[in-house]
Each structure stands twice: as C-alpha cells, then as structure tokens.
Amino acid sequence: MTAMSIATILTAVSDRRPPVSTASKTSKPIPLAELAAMIERRRAETGVGELPRNSGKRRTPGKKALLDAIRDAGGNW
C-alpha cells in the first residue's frame, strides 16, 4: 500500500476540479513600505489626490453599532 493524501483521493473521485490558487506564479512579495511608495508614486503621476470615503448610506445596524463603539473608544474609522 502506498501512502496518499486524502485530498488526492477525494479529488480523483469527485466531479470538482482541484482549487486554483489566485497567487501569481511570477510575482514575489514586496515589503509594505515599498507598496506604499509605489501607490504614492502612482497617485502623483496621475494627479489623484485623496479618495472619497464611503458615504455609509447602506450600513447595516451592526456596522453602525460597531462604528459607534469605535468612536466611543476614541477611535475614528
């Protein structure tokens, strides 16, 4: 008997295809500071300033309560 992963067995007998990764096979992770610099550079090149925030017209009661709690705790989301 050969050791085999249960996932391999189930994939072989099911009609579903194996999951596909959305990660690029050619790109490599970049540091967050480098990403922030790239975004700032693109904003400067395109002339895009501050982006508008969501108006919040369709917030659920739960989301409103969460934002109120954050505000009461001294935060500003």
Protein backbone atom coordinates (compact mmCIF):
# COMPACT_ATOMS: atom_id res chain seq x y z
CA MET A 1 0.00 0.00 0.00
CA THR A 2 1.27 3.46 -0.90
CA ALA A 3 0.68 6.46 1.35
CA MET A 4 -1.55 9.00 -0.37
CA SER A 5 -3.20 12.21 0.70
CA ILE A 6 -6.95 12.02 1.32
CA ALA A 7 -7.30 15.22 -0.71
CA THR A 8 -5.74 13.48 -3.71
CA ILE A 9 -8.15 10.57 -3.36
CA LEU A 10 -11.23 12.77 -2.98
CA THR A 11 -10.21 14.98 -5.90
CA ALA A 12 -9.75 11.92 -8.10
CA VAL A 13 -13.26 10.58 -7.39
CA SER A 14 -15.18 13.84 -7.30
CA ASP A 15 -16.54 15.87 -10.20
CA ARG A 16 -14.98 19.03 -8.84
CA ARG A 17 -11.69 20.33 -10.10
CA PRO A 18 -8.92 20.98 -7.58
CA PRO A 19 -8.82 24.54 -6.17
CA VAL A 20 -6.88 27.06 -8.19
CA SER A 21 -4.55 29.48 -6.49
CA THR A 22 -5.08 33.15 -7.32
CA ALA A 23 -1.49 33.95 -6.43
CA SER A 24 0.70 34.82 -9.36
CA LYS A 25 3.41 32.31 -10.11
CA THR A 26 5.78 35.03 -11.30
CA SER A 27 5.34 37.80 -8.73
CA LYS A 28 7.17 37.94 -5.45
CA PRO A 29 6.01 39.52 -2.19
CA ILE A 30 7.11 43.11 -1.65
CA PRO A 31 7.53 44.94 1.64
CA LEU A 32 4.60 47.09 2.75
CA ALA A 33 6.73 50.24 2.73
CA GLU A 34 7.67 49.58 -0.90
CA LEU A 35 3.99 49.08 -1.82
CA ALA A 36 3.06 52.36 -0.11
CA ALA A 37 5.81 54.16 -2.05
CA MET A 38 4.55 52.67 -5.34
CA ILE A 39 1.00 53.81 -4.59
CA GLU A 40 2.16 57.33 -3.70
CA ARG A 41 4.23 57.49 -6.88
CA ARG A 42 1.24 56.41 -9.00
CA ARG A 43 -1.02 58.94 -7.29
CA ALA A 44 1.50 61.70 -8.01
CA GLU A 45 1.83 60.61 -11.65
CA THR A 46 -1.93 60.52 -12.24
CA GLY A 47 -2.82 63.54 -10.14
CA VAL A 48 -5.18 61.51 -7.95
CA GLY A 49 -5.46 63.17 -4.57
CA GLU A 50 -7.40 61.96 -1.58
CA LEU A 51 -10.04 59.38 -2.49
CA PRO A 52 -13.60 59.97 -1.25
CA ARG A 53 -14.74 57.86 1.68
CA ASN A 54 -17.80 55.66 1.60
CA SER A 55 -20.91 57.73 2.41
CA GLY A 56 -22.28 54.97 4.64
CA LYS A 57 -25.86 55.28 3.41
CA ARG A 58 -26.38 51.50 3.27
CA ARG A 59 -24.72 50.44 6.52
CA THR A 60 -26.28 47.64 8.49
CA PRO A 61 -27.33 48.26 12.10
CA GLY A 62 -24.46 46.03 13.23
CA LYS A 63 -21.91 48.08 11.30
CA LYS A 64 -23.36 51.32 12.70
CA ALA A 65 -23.10 49.92 16.22
CA LEU A 66 -19.50 48.87 15.61
CA LEU A 67 -18.56 52.31 14.32
CA ASP A 68 -20.30 53.95 17.29
CA ALA A 69 -18.33 51.71 19.68
CA ILE A 70 -15.07 52.61 17.94
CA ARG A 71 -15.96 56.31 18.15
CA ASP A 72 -16.87 55.95 21.86
CA ALA A 73 -13.50 54.31 22.49
CA GLY A 74 -11.75 57.34 20.98
CA GLY A 75 -11.14 55.95 17.50
CA ASN A 76 -12.13 57.44 14.19
CA TRP A 77 -12.84 54.93 11.50
